[in-house]
Amino acid sequence: MIVAAFGPSTWSNWVLAILAGVAACIGLRTLGKIRDQTEAAVEALNIGRMAADAAKRSAETAQRDLKLNARAQIVVRVVEPINGLSTGLEPFVTVHLVNIGRTPAYHAHYESWIDILEHPFRDFTPDGAHYKETTETLHYPEDKIVHSVPIRLMRPMEERENFALRTDKKRLYFRIRISYRDVFDDPRFTDFAAASNGIRIEPCPKYNECD
């Protein structure tokens, strides 16, 4: 039986079996190469995706830095001394709006508030003077044209208010908020508030911020 199994009549079967085995080995090697190639392709895709994400983050950072360094920025400078801080006179504060940025500030307009209020500060009240300027102005960087804004109480100071001011019970509080757009057409604002007791000017605990 053993001789018959390896006899001439079975050679064709053995040849087919050997060829099938060789084909299986080749197939397994091919599958292994395909698997390795697939893993390499996935790894390359992940590396490409990470590189694209890094490039995107770098571009976003560069854009933010460009806007930060090239944008307009309006600041408020108070002109001293403050006028009218006497009984029977109308107190008013003059401020200058200055663009310390590198590009123009467009469509600038402002609102202002001023009042003689209790110290320490709580907030402005409807009894104070409030003004809204709707005419828009253009501010160039370090403009030679002085953009001067008067903030007026619009009434004379009373004797009791003058006494409270001098005895440190009240302050003349004033605020101005400027809204504008920069060269990137992004909306910007500067909010500034301060107080005076007739001798010195000090920051207000609220409304001092900018974007």
N, C-alpha and C. Protein backbone atom coordinates (compact mmCIF):
# COMPACT_ATOMS: atom_id res chain seq x y z
N MET A 1 0.82 -1.21 0.00
CA MET A 1 0.00 0.00 0.00
C MET A 1 0.85 1.25 0.00
N ILE A 2 2.01 1.21 0.72
CA ILE A 2 2.90 2.37 0.78
C ILE A 2 3.52 2.61 -0.58
N VAL A 3 3.90 1.49 -1.30
CA VAL A 3 4.50 1.64 -2.63
C VAL A 3 3.48 2.22 -3.59
N ALA A 4 2.24 1.81 -3.47
CA ALA A 4 1.19 2.32 -4.36
C ALA A 4 0.95 3.79 -4.13
N ALA A 5 1.09 4.23 -2.90
CA ALA A 5 0.84 5.64 -2.61
C ALA A 5 1.86 6.54 -3.23
N PHE A 6 3.09 5.97 -3.44
CA PHE A 6 4.15 6.79 -4.05
C PHE A 6 4.48 6.29 -5.45
N GLY A 7 3.65 5.52 -6.04
CA GLY A 7 3.88 4.99 -7.36
C GLY A 7 3.64 6.01 -8.45
N PRO A 8 4.00 5.61 -9.70
CA PRO A 8 3.84 6.54 -10.84
C PRO A 8 2.41 7.03 -10.98
N SER A 9 1.48 6.22 -10.61
CA SER A 9 0.09 6.63 -10.82
C SER A 9 -0.33 7.78 -9.90
N THR A 10 0.48 8.00 -8.82
CA THR A 10 0.12 9.08 -7.88
C THR A 10 0.99 10.30 -8.02
N TRP A 11 1.97 10.22 -8.94
CA TRP A 11 2.91 11.37 -9.02
C TRP A 11 2.20 12.68 -9.35
N SER A 12 1.21 12.57 -10.27
CA SER A 12 0.51 13.81 -10.66
C SER A 12 -0.18 14.45 -9.45
N ASN A 13 -0.73 13.58 -8.58
CA ASN A 13 -1.38 14.12 -7.39
C ASN A 13 -0.39 14.81 -6.46
N TRP A 14 0.80 14.15 -6.34
CA TRP A 14 1.83 14.75 -5.48
C TRP A 14 2.33 16.07 -6.07
N VAL A 15 2.45 16.10 -7.37
CA VAL A 15 2.90 17.36 -8.01
C VAL A 15 1.89 18.47 -7.73
N LEU A 16 0.62 18.11 -7.85
CA LEU A 16 -0.43 19.11 -7.59
C LEU A 16 -0.40 19.56 -6.13
N ALA A 17 -0.15 18.57 -5.23
CA ALA A 17 -0.09 18.91 -3.82
C ALA A 17 1.08 19.84 -3.52
N ILE A 18 2.23 19.53 -4.14
CA ILE A 18 3.43 20.37 -3.93
C ILE A 18 3.19 21.77 -4.49
N LEU A 19 2.63 21.81 -5.71
CA LEU A 19 2.34 23.13 -6.29
C LEU A 19 1.36 23.92 -5.43
N ALA A 20 0.37 23.21 -4.87
CA ALA A 20 -0.60 23.89 -4.01
C ALA A 20 0.09 24.44 -2.76
N GLY A 21 1.04 23.62 -2.23
CA GLY A 21 1.78 24.09 -1.05
C GLY A 21 2.63 25.30 -1.36
N VAL A 22 3.31 25.23 -2.53
CA VAL A 22 4.14 26.38 -2.94
C VAL A 22 3.27 27.62 -3.13
N ALA A 23 2.11 27.41 -3.78
CA ALA A 23 1.20 28.54 -4.01
C ALA A 23 0.71 29.11 -2.70
N ALA A 24 0.45 28.23 -1.73
CA ALA A 24 -0.01 28.70 -0.42
C ALA A 24 1.05 29.54 0.27
N CYS A 25 2.32 29.05 0.16
CA CYS A 25 3.43 29.81 0.77
C CYS A 25 3.57 31.18 0.11
N ILE A 26 3.50 31.16 -1.24
CA ILE A 26 3.62 32.43 -1.96
C ILE A 26 2.46 33.36 -1.58
N GLY A 27 1.26 32.77 -1.45
CA GLY A 27 0.09 33.57 -1.08
C GLY A 27 0.24 34.18 0.30
N LEU A 28 0.76 33.36 1.24
CA LEU A 28 0.95 33.88 2.59
C LEU A 28 1.98 35.01 2.61
N ARG A 29 3.07 34.80 1.83
CA ARG A 29 4.09 35.86 1.76
C ARG A 29 3.51 37.12 1.13
N THR A 30 2.67 36.91 0.09
CA THR A 30 2.04 38.07 -0.56
C THR A 30 1.11 38.80 0.40
N LEU A 31 0.32 38.00 1.15
CA LEU A 31 -0.57 38.62 2.14
C LEU A 31 0.22 39.37 3.20
N GLY A 32 1.37 38.81 3.59
CA GLY A 32 2.22 39.50 4.56
C GLY A 32 2.73 40.82 4.02
N LYS A 33 3.16 40.80 2.74
CA LYS A 33 3.63 42.05 2.13
C LYS A 33 2.51 43.07 2.02
N ILE A 34 1.31 42.57 1.64
CA ILE A 34 0.16 43.48 1.54
C ILE A 34 -0.14 44.09 2.91
N ARG A 35 -0.06 43.25 3.96
CA ARG A 35 -0.31 43.75 5.31
C ARG A 35 0.73 44.80 5.70
N ASP A 36 2.01 44.49 5.41
CA ASP A 36 3.07 45.46 5.73
C ASP A 36 2.88 46.75 4.96
N GLN A 37 2.51 46.62 3.66
CA GLN A 37 2.29 47.81 2.85
C GLN A 37 1.10 48.62 3.37
N THR A 38 0.06 47.91 3.81
CA THR A 38 -1.12 48.60 4.36
C THR A 38 -0.77 49.34 5.64
N GLU A 39 -0.02 48.68 6.51
CA GLU A 39 0.39 49.34 7.76
C GLU A 39 1.26 50.56 7.47
N ALA A 40 2.17 50.41 6.48
CA ALA A 40 3.03 51.54 6.11
C ALA A 40 2.20 52.69 5.54
N ALA A 41 1.18 52.33 4.74
CA ALA A 41 0.33 53.38 4.16
C ALA A 41 -0.46 54.10 5.25
N VAL A 42 -0.98 53.32 6.22
CA VAL A 42 -1.73 53.93 7.33
C VAL A 42 -0.82 54.84 8.16
N GLU A 43 0.41 54.38 8.41
CA GLU A 43 1.36 55.20 9.16
C GLU A 43 1.70 56.48 8.41
N ALA A 44 1.90 56.34 7.09
CA ALA A 44 2.19 57.53 6.28
C ALA A 44 1.00 58.49 6.29
N LEU A 45 -0.22 57.93 6.25
CA LEU A 45 -1.42 58.77 6.29
C LEU A 45 -1.52 59.51 7.62
N ASN A 46 -1.21 58.82 8.73
CA ASN A 46 -1.25 59.46 10.04
C ASN A 46 -0.20 60.56 10.14
N ILE A 47 0.99 60.29 9.61
CA ILE A 47 2.05 61.30 9.62
C ILE A 47 1.64 62.51 8.79
N GLY A 48 1.03 62.23 7.61
CA GLY A 48 0.55 63.32 6.77
C GLY A 48 -0.53 64.14 7.45
N ARG A 49 -1.44 63.44 8.16
CA ARG A 49 -2.51 64.14 8.87
C ARG A 49 -1.94 65.01 9.99
N MET A 50 -0.96 64.47 10.74
CA MET A 50 -0.34 65.25 11.81
C MET A 50 0.40 66.46 11.25
N ALA A 51 1.08 66.26 10.11
CA ALA A 51 1.78 67.38 9.48
C ALA A 51 0.80 68.45 9.02
N ALA A 52 -0.34 68.01 8.46
CA ALA A 52 -1.36 68.98 8.02
C ALA A 52 -1.94 69.74 9.21
N ASP A 53 -2.20 69.04 10.33
CA ASP A 53 -2.71 69.70 11.53
C ASP A 53 -1.70 70.71 12.07
N ALA A 54 -0.43 70.31 12.07
CA ALA A 54 0.62 71.21 12.55
C ALA A 54 0.72 72.45 11.66
N ALA A 55 0.62 72.25 10.34
CA ALA A 55 0.68 73.38 9.42
C ALA A 55 -0.51 74.30 9.61
N LYS A 56 -1.69 73.72 9.87
CA LYS A 56 -2.90 74.53 10.11
C LYS A 56 -2.74 75.35 11.37
N ARG A 57 -2.24 74.70 12.45
CA ARG A 57 -2.04 75.43 13.71
C ARG A 57 -1.01 76.53 13.54
N SER A 58 0.04 76.24 12.78
CA SER A 58 1.07 77.25 12.54
C SER A 58 0.50 78.44 11.77
N ALA A 59 -0.33 78.15 10.77
CA ALA A 59 -0.94 79.23 9.98
C ALA A 59 -1.89 80.06 10.84
N GLU A 60 -2.67 79.40 11.70
CA GLU A 60 -3.59 80.12 12.58
C GLU A 60 -2.83 81.00 13.57
N THR A 61 -1.71 80.47 14.10
CA THR A 61 -0.89 81.26 15.03
C THR A 61 -0.29 82.46 14.32
N ALA A 62 0.19 82.24 13.08
CA ALA A 62 0.77 83.35 12.32
C ALA A 62 -0.27 84.42 12.02
N GLN A 63 -1.50 83.99 11.73
CA GLN A 63 -2.57 84.95 11.46
C GLN A 63 -2.92 85.74 12.72
N ARG A 64 -2.98 85.06 13.86
CA ARG A 64 -3.27 85.75 15.12
C ARG A 64 -2.17 86.75 15.45
N ASP A 65 -0.91 86.34 15.24
CA ASP A 65 0.21 87.24 15.52
C ASP A 65 0.18 88.45 14.60
N LEU A 66 -0.18 88.21 13.33
CA LEU A 66 -0.26 89.31 12.38
C LEU A 66 -1.33 90.30 12.81
N LYS A 67 -2.50 89.80 13.19
CA LYS A 67 -3.58 90.68 13.63
C LYS A 67 -3.20 91.43 14.91
N LEU A 68 -2.50 90.72 15.81
CA LEU A 68 -2.12 91.34 17.07
C LEU A 68 -1.10 92.44 16.85
N ASN A 69 -0.14 92.21 15.96
CA ASN A 69 0.93 93.17 15.76
C ASN A 69 0.57 94.29 14.80
N ALA A 70 -0.33 94.01 13.86
CA ALA A 70 -0.63 95.00 12.82
C ALA A 70 -1.95 95.73 13.05
N ARG A 71 -2.71 95.34 14.03
CA ARG A 71 -4.05 95.90 14.23
C ARG A 71 -3.98 97.33 14.77
N ALA A 72 -5.11 98.01 14.69
CA ALA A 72 -5.25 99.32 15.32
C ALA A 72 -5.55 99.13 16.80
N GLN A 73 -5.17 100.12 17.61
CA GLN A 73 -5.49 100.07 19.03
C GLN A 73 -5.61 101.50 19.56
N ILE A 74 -6.83 101.87 19.92
CA ILE A 74 -7.09 103.21 20.43
C ILE A 74 -6.97 103.22 21.95
N VAL A 75 -6.20 104.18 22.47
CA VAL A 75 -6.08 104.37 23.91
C VAL A 75 -6.60 105.76 24.26
N VAL A 76 -6.91 105.95 25.54
CA VAL A 76 -7.47 107.21 26.04
C VAL A 76 -6.43 107.89 26.93
N ARG A 77 -6.20 109.17 26.68
CA ARG A 77 -5.28 109.96 27.50
C ARG A 77 -6.03 111.17 28.06
N VAL A 78 -6.01 111.28 29.38
CA VAL A 78 -6.73 112.36 30.05
C VAL A 78 -5.88 113.63 30.05
N VAL A 79 -6.50 114.74 29.69
CA VAL A 79 -5.83 116.03 29.72
C VAL A 79 -6.04 116.65 31.10
N GLU A 80 -4.95 116.97 31.77
CA GLU A 80 -5.04 117.58 33.10
C GLU A 80 -4.69 119.06 33.02
N PRO A 81 -5.22 119.88 33.94
CA PRO A 81 -6.15 119.52 35.02
C PRO A 81 -7.58 119.45 34.52
N ILE A 82 -8.43 118.86 35.34
CA ILE A 82 -9.87 118.82 35.02
C ILE A 82 -10.46 120.19 35.31
N ASN A 83 -11.28 120.67 34.42
CA ASN A 83 -11.83 122.02 34.51
C ASN A 83 -13.17 122.04 35.26
N GLY A 84 -13.45 123.16 35.87
CA GLY A 84 -14.76 123.41 36.47
C GLY A 84 -15.03 122.73 37.77
N LEU A 85 -13.98 122.32 38.50
CA LEU A 85 -14.21 121.63 39.78
C LEU A 85 -14.37 122.66 40.90
N SER A 86 -15.38 123.51 40.76
CA SER A 86 -15.69 124.52 41.78
C SER A 86 -17.19 124.73 41.81
N THR A 87 -17.68 125.20 42.94
CA THR A 87 -19.10 125.45 43.10
C THR A 87 -19.60 126.46 42.06
N GLY A 88 -20.69 126.12 41.41
CA GLY A 88 -21.29 127.00 40.42
C GLY A 88 -20.74 126.84 39.02
N LEU A 89 -19.67 126.05 38.86
CA LEU A 89 -19.10 125.82 37.52
C LEU A 89 -19.48 124.43 37.01
N GLU A 90 -19.40 124.27 35.70
CA GLU A 90 -19.71 122.96 35.10
C GLU A 90 -18.42 122.16 34.93
N PRO A 91 -18.24 121.08 35.68
CA PRO A 91 -17.05 120.25 35.51
C PRO A 91 -17.07 119.55 34.15
N PHE A 92 -15.91 119.50 33.51
CA PHE A 92 -15.79 118.71 32.29
C PHE A 92 -14.36 118.20 32.16
N VAL A 93 -14.28 117.04 31.56
CA VAL A 93 -13.00 116.36 31.37
C VAL A 93 -12.71 116.32 29.87
N THR A 94 -11.46 116.59 29.51
CA THR A 94 -11.05 116.47 28.11
C THR A 94 -10.13 115.26 27.98
N VAL A 95 -10.46 114.39 27.02
CA VAL A 95 -9.61 113.22 26.75
C VAL A 95 -9.20 113.23 25.29
N HIS A 96 -8.04 112.67 25.03
CA HIS A 96 -7.56 112.50 23.67
C HIS A 96 -7.62 111.02 23.30
N LEU A 97 -8.11 110.74 22.11
CA LEU A 97 -8.17 109.37 21.59
C LEU A 97 -6.99 109.18 20.65
N VAL A 98 -6.10 108.25 20.98
CA VAL A 98 -4.86 108.07 20.23
C VAL A 98 -4.75 106.62 19.76
N ASN A 99 -4.49 106.45 18.47
CA ASN A 99 -4.29 105.12 17.90
C ASN A 99 -2.81 104.76 17.99
N ILE A 100 -2.46 103.85 18.91
CA ILE A 100 -1.07 103.45 19.08
C ILE A 100 -0.74 102.18 18.29
N GLY A 101 -1.69 101.73 17.47
CA GLY A 101 -1.46 100.55 16.63
C GLY A 101 -0.67 100.90 15.38
N ARG A 102 -0.60 99.95 14.46
CA ARG A 102 0.19 100.12 13.23
C ARG A 102 -0.65 100.40 12.00
N THR A 103 -1.96 100.25 12.13
CA THR A 103 -2.86 100.46 11.00
C THR A 103 -4.02 101.34 11.45
N PRO A 104 -4.75 101.92 10.51
CA PRO A 104 -5.84 102.84 10.89
C PRO A 104 -6.98 102.14 11.63
N ALA A 105 -7.68 102.95 12.41
CA ALA A 105 -8.92 102.52 13.06
C ALA A 105 -10.09 103.18 12.33
N TYR A 106 -11.02 102.37 11.86
CA TYR A 106 -12.11 102.86 11.02
C TYR A 106 -13.43 102.91 11.81
N HIS A 107 -14.32 103.81 11.37
CA HIS A 107 -15.70 103.87 11.90
C HIS A 107 -15.72 104.01 13.43
N ALA A 108 -14.85 104.84 13.96
CA ALA A 108 -14.79 105.02 15.42
C ALA A 108 -15.91 105.94 15.89
N HIS A 109 -16.58 105.56 16.95
CA HIS A 109 -17.59 106.39 17.60
C HIS A 109 -17.58 106.04 19.09
N TYR A 110 -18.19 106.89 19.91
CA TYR A 110 -18.04 106.70 21.34
C TYR A 110 -19.31 107.04 22.11
N GLU A 111 -19.33 106.56 23.37
CA GLU A 111 -20.31 106.97 24.36
C GLU A 111 -19.56 107.45 25.59
N SER A 112 -20.12 108.40 26.31
CA SER A 112 -19.46 108.90 27.52
C SER A 112 -20.46 109.04 28.66
N TRP A 113 -19.95 108.91 29.89
CA TRP A 113 -20.73 109.06 31.11
C TRP A 113 -19.92 109.90 32.10
N ILE A 114 -20.59 110.73 32.88
CA ILE A 114 -19.91 111.51 33.91
C ILE A 114 -20.91 111.87 35.00
N ASP A 115 -20.44 111.83 36.28
CA ASP A 115 -21.31 112.18 37.39
C ASP A 115 -20.47 112.32 38.65
N ILE A 116 -21.03 113.04 39.63
CA ILE A 116 -20.41 113.14 40.95
C ILE A 116 -21.10 112.11 41.84
N LEU A 117 -20.35 111.08 42.25
CA LEU A 117 -20.95 109.92 42.92
C LEU A 117 -20.22 109.60 44.22
N GLU A 118 -20.92 108.81 45.04
CA GLU A 118 -20.35 108.38 46.30
C GLU A 118 -19.08 107.56 46.07
N HIS A 119 -18.15 107.70 47.02
CA HIS A 119 -16.92 106.91 47.00
C HIS A 119 -16.95 105.95 48.19
N PRO A 120 -16.71 104.65 48.02
CA PRO A 120 -16.22 104.00 46.80
C PRO A 120 -17.30 103.82 45.72
N PHE A 121 -16.84 103.59 44.51
CA PHE A 121 -17.70 103.56 43.33
C PHE A 121 -18.56 102.31 43.30
N ARG A 122 -19.83 102.51 42.90
CA ARG A 122 -20.73 101.38 42.64
C ARG A 122 -21.01 101.27 41.16
N ASP A 123 -21.67 102.30 40.62
CA ASP A 123 -21.92 102.33 39.18
C ASP A 123 -22.51 103.68 38.81
N PHE A 124 -22.52 103.97 37.52
CA PHE A 124 -23.17 105.19 37.04
C PHE A 124 -24.68 105.03 37.16
N THR A 125 -25.36 106.15 37.35
CA THR A 125 -26.81 106.14 37.51
C THR A 125 -27.45 106.92 36.36
N PRO A 126 -28.76 106.76 36.17
CA PRO A 126 -29.45 107.53 35.11
C PRO A 126 -29.44 109.03 35.35
N ASP A 127 -29.13 109.46 36.57
CA ASP A 127 -29.12 110.89 36.88
C ASP A 127 -27.89 111.60 36.31
N GLY A 128 -26.87 110.85 35.97
CA GLY A 128 -25.66 111.45 35.44
C GLY A 128 -25.81 111.86 33.98
N ALA A 129 -24.76 112.48 33.46
CA ALA A 129 -24.77 112.91 32.06
C ALA A 129 -24.26 111.77 31.17
N HIS A 130 -25.05 111.45 30.17
CA HIS A 130 -24.69 110.39 29.22
C HIS A 130 -24.80 110.96 27.82
N TYR A 131 -23.77 110.75 27.02
CA TYR A 131 -23.77 111.27 25.65
C TYR A 131 -23.31 110.18 24.70
N LYS A 132 -23.97 110.10 23.52
CA LYS A 132 -23.61 109.12 22.50
C LYS A 132 -23.32 109.83 21.19
N GLU A 133 -22.09 109.71 20.73
CA GLU A 133 -21.68 110.32 19.47
C GLU A 133 -21.82 109.28 18.35
N THR A 134 -22.61 109.63 17.34
CA THR A 134 -22.84 108.69 16.24
C THR A 134 -22.01 109.00 15.01
N THR A 135 -21.43 110.19 14.95
CA THR A 135 -20.57 110.53 13.81
C THR A 135 -19.28 109.71 13.89
N GLU A 136 -18.96 109.00 12.82
CA GLU A 136 -17.80 108.13 12.83
C GLU A 136 -16.54 108.88 12.39
N THR A 137 -15.42 108.51 12.98
CA THR A 137 -14.14 109.16 12.67
C THR A 137 -13.09 108.12 12.30
N LEU A 138 -12.06 108.57 11.61
CA LEU A 138 -10.95 107.73 11.18
C LEU A 138 -9.70 108.13 11.97
N HIS A 139 -9.01 107.14 12.54
CA HIS A 139 -7.84 107.41 13.37
C HIS A 139 -6.62 106.70 12.78
N TYR A 140 -5.66 107.49 12.30
CA TYR A 140 -4.42 106.91 11.79
C TYR A 140 -3.45 106.67 12.94
N PRO A 141 -2.49 105.77 12.74
CA PRO A 141 -1.50 105.52 13.81
C PRO A 141 -0.73 106.79 14.16
N GLU A 142 -0.68 107.10 15.46
CA GLU A 142 0.02 108.29 15.96
C GLU A 142 -0.34 109.51 15.12
N ASP A 143 -1.63 109.68 14.90
CA ASP A 143 -2.15 110.74 14.04
C ASP A 143 -1.74 112.12 14.58
N LYS A 144 -1.31 113.00 13.69
CA LYS A 144 -0.98 114.37 14.09
C LYS A 144 -2.24 115.17 14.40
N ILE A 145 -3.36 114.72 13.86
CA ILE A 145 -4.64 115.36 14.19
C ILE A 145 -5.09 114.86 15.56
N VAL A 146 -5.28 115.77 16.49
CA VAL A 146 -5.67 115.39 17.85
C VAL A 146 -7.19 115.18 17.88
N HIS A 147 -7.59 113.98 18.26
CA HIS A 147 -9.01 113.66 18.41
C HIS A 147 -9.39 113.93 19.87
N SER A 148 -9.87 115.13 20.11
CA SER A 148 -10.18 115.58 21.46
C SER A 148 -11.67 115.43 21.74
N VAL A 149 -11.99 114.88 22.91
CA VAL A 149 -13.38 114.64 23.29
C VAL A 149 -13.65 115.28 24.66
N PRO A 150 -14.59 116.22 24.75
CA PRO A 150 -14.98 116.76 26.06
C PRO A 150 -16.09 115.91 26.68
N ILE A 151 -15.93 115.58 27.94
CA ILE A 151 -16.96 114.84 28.67
C ILE A 151 -17.52 115.80 29.72
N ARG A 152 -18.73 116.30 29.49
CA ARG A 152 -19.31 117.38 30.30
C ARG A 152 -20.39 116.87 31.24
N LEU A 153 -20.39 117.45 32.44
CA LEU A 153 -21.43 117.12 33.41
C LEU A 153 -22.77 117.74 33.03
N MET A 154 -22.73 118.81 32.28
CA MET A 154 -23.92 119.49 31.73
C MET A 154 -24.78 120.15 32.82
N ARG A 155 -24.16 120.47 33.94
CA ARG A 155 -24.84 121.23 35.00
C ARG A 155 -23.77 121.77 35.93
N PRO A 156 -24.06 122.83 36.68
CA PRO A 156 -23.07 123.35 37.62
C PRO A 156 -22.94 122.48 38.87
N MET A 157 -21.75 122.48 39.44
CA MET A 157 -21.52 121.73 40.67
C MET A 157 -22.14 122.48 41.85
N GLU A 158 -22.81 121.72 42.73
CA GLU A 158 -23.42 122.31 43.91
C GLU A 158 -22.41 122.40 45.06
N GLU A 159 -22.69 123.27 46.02
CA GLU A 159 -21.78 123.46 47.15
C GLU A 159 -21.59 122.18 47.95
N ARG A 160 -22.68 121.45 48.18
CA ARG A 160 -22.59 120.20 48.95
C ARG A 160 -21.76 119.14 48.21
N GLU A 161 -21.84 119.15 46.87
CA GLU A 161 -21.04 118.21 46.09
C GLU A 161 -19.56 118.60 46.16
N ASN A 162 -19.29 119.89 46.12
CA ASN A 162 -17.91 120.36 46.22
C ASN A 162 -17.31 119.98 47.57
N PHE A 163 -18.11 120.15 48.63
CA PHE A 163 -17.65 119.79 49.98
C PHE A 163 -17.38 118.28 50.07
N ALA A 164 -18.30 117.46 49.53
CA ALA A 164 -18.12 116.01 49.56
C ALA A 164 -16.90 115.59 48.75
N LEU A 165 -16.62 116.32 47.68
CA LEU A 165 -15.45 116.02 46.86
C LEU A 165 -14.17 116.30 47.64
N ARG A 166 -14.15 117.45 48.31
CA ARG A 166 -12.95 117.86 49.05
C ARG A 166 -12.73 117.02 50.30
N THR A 167 -13.79 116.47 50.86
CA THR A 167 -13.66 115.65 52.07
C THR A 167 -13.58 114.15 51.75
N ASP A 168 -13.36 113.85 50.51
CA ASP A 168 -13.10 112.48 50.06
C ASP A 168 -14.30 111.55 50.20
N LYS A 169 -15.51 112.12 50.24
CA LYS A 169 -16.72 111.30 50.30
C LYS A 169 -17.29 111.01 48.92
N LYS A 170 -16.95 111.85 47.97
CA LYS A 170 -17.42 111.65 46.60
C LYS A 170 -16.26 111.85 45.62
N ARG A 171 -16.50 111.42 44.39
CA ARG A 171 -15.54 111.59 43.30
C ARG A 171 -16.30 112.05 42.06
N LEU A 172 -15.59 112.73 41.19
CA LEU A 172 -16.10 112.97 39.84
C LEU A 172 -15.69 111.78 38.99
N TYR A 173 -16.64 110.93 38.68
CA TYR A 173 -16.37 109.73 37.88
C TYR A 173 -16.72 109.99 36.42
N PHE A 174 -15.88 109.52 35.52
CA PHE A 174 -16.16 109.67 34.09
C PHE A 174 -15.69 108.42 33.34
N ARG A 175 -16.39 108.18 32.26
CA ARG A 175 -16.14 106.97 31.47
C ARG A 175 -16.34 107.29 29.99
N ILE A 176 -15.54 106.65 29.13
CA ILE A 176 -15.74 106.74 27.69
C ILE A 176 -15.48 105.36 27.08
N ARG A 177 -16.35 104.97 26.18
CA ARG A 177 -16.20 103.68 25.47
C ARG A 177 -16.15 103.96 23.97
N ILE A 178 -15.06 103.56 23.33
CA ILE A 178 -14.87 103.78 21.90
C ILE A 178 -15.02 102.45 21.17
N SER A 179 -15.84 102.44 20.14
CA SER A 179 -16.01 101.26 19.28
C SER A 179 -15.47 101.59 17.90
N TYR A 180 -14.78 100.64 17.28
CA TYR A 180 -14.20 100.88 15.96
C TYR A 180 -13.90 99.55 15.27
N ARG A 181 -13.42 99.63 14.05
CA ARG A 181 -13.01 98.43 13.30
C ARG A 181 -11.57 98.61 12.83
N ASP A 182 -10.84 97.49 12.79
CA ASP A 182 -9.46 97.56 12.34
C ASP A 182 -9.36 97.21 10.86
N VAL A 183 -8.13 97.14 10.35
CA VAL A 183 -7.92 96.91 8.92
C VAL A 183 -8.39 95.52 8.50
N PHE A 184 -8.54 94.62 9.46
CA PHE A 184 -9.04 93.26 9.17
C PHE A 184 -10.56 93.20 9.26
N ASP A 185 -11.20 94.35 9.49
CA ASP A 185 -12.64 94.50 9.62
C ASP A 185 -13.18 93.81 10.87
N ASP A 186 -12.31 93.57 11.85
CA ASP A 186 -12.76 93.01 13.11
C ASP A 186 -13.24 94.13 14.04
N PRO A 187 -14.35 93.93 14.74
CA PRO A 187 -14.82 94.96 15.69
C PRO A 187 -13.91 95.03 16.91
N ARG A 188 -13.60 96.25 17.33
CA ARG A 188 -12.74 96.47 18.49
C ARG A 188 -13.39 97.49 19.42
N PHE A 189 -12.92 97.53 20.66
CA PHE A 189 -13.42 98.55 21.57
C PHE A 189 -12.36 98.88 22.62
N THR A 190 -12.47 100.07 23.17
CA THR A 190 -11.67 100.48 24.32
C THR A 190 -12.61 101.11 25.33
N ASP A 191 -12.58 100.61 26.55
CA ASP A 191 -13.41 101.14 27.63
C ASP A 191 -12.48 101.73 28.68
N PHE A 192 -12.71 103.00 29.00
CA PHE A 192 -11.83 103.70 29.95
C PHE A 192 -12.67 104.45 30.96
N ALA A 193 -12.31 104.34 32.24
CA ALA A 193 -13.02 105.07 33.29
C ALA A 193 -12.04 105.47 34.38
N ALA A 194 -12.27 106.66 34.94
CA ALA A 194 -11.40 107.17 35.99
C ALA A 194 -12.21 108.06 36.93
N ALA A 195 -11.54 108.53 37.97
CA ALA A 195 -12.21 109.38 38.95
C ALA A 195 -11.24 110.45 39.42
N SER A 196 -11.80 111.56 39.90
CA SER A 196 -10.99 112.65 40.44
C SER A 196 -11.64 113.20 41.70
N ASN A 197 -10.79 113.48 42.68
CA ASN A 197 -11.26 114.15 43.91
C ASN A 197 -10.88 115.63 43.89
N GLY A 198 -10.49 116.12 42.74
CA GLY A 198 -10.09 117.51 42.61
C GLY A 198 -8.61 117.72 42.76
N ILE A 199 -7.90 116.69 43.23
CA ILE A 199 -6.44 116.79 43.41
C ILE A 199 -5.72 115.82 42.50
N ARG A 200 -6.21 114.62 42.44
CA ARG A 200 -5.55 113.59 41.63
C ARG A 200 -6.59 112.81 40.83
N ILE A 201 -6.11 112.14 39.78
CA ILE A 201 -6.95 111.26 38.96
C ILE A 201 -6.52 109.83 39.23
N GLU A 202 -7.49 108.96 39.45
CA GLU A 202 -7.20 107.56 39.75
C GLU A 202 -8.10 106.66 38.92
N PRO A 203 -7.69 105.42 38.67
CA PRO A 203 -8.51 104.50 37.87
C PRO A 203 -9.82 104.17 38.55
N CYS A 204 -10.84 104.00 37.76
CA CYS A 204 -12.12 103.53 38.27
C CYS A 204 -12.05 102.01 38.42
N PRO A 205 -12.65 101.43 39.45
CA PRO A 205 -12.57 99.97 39.63
C PRO A 205 -13.33 99.17 38.58
N LYS A 206 -14.11 99.85 37.74
CA LYS A 206 -14.83 99.16 36.66
C LYS A 206 -14.57 99.89 35.34
N TYR A 207 -14.92 99.20 34.25
CA TYR A 207 -14.92 99.78 32.91
C TYR A 207 -13.53 100.19 32.40
N ASN A 208 -12.53 99.40 32.72
CA ASN A 208 -11.22 99.62 32.14
C ASN A 208 -10.77 98.33 31.46
N GLU A 209 -11.06 98.25 30.17
CA GLU A 209 -10.71 97.06 29.41
C GLU A 209 -10.71 97.37 27.93
N CYS A 210 -10.08 96.51 27.17
CA CYS A 210 -10.11 96.60 25.71
C CYS A 210 -9.97 95.21 25.14
N ASP A 211 -10.35 95.05 23.88
CA ASP A 211 -10.27 93.72 23.28
C ASP A 211 -8.88 93.47 22.73
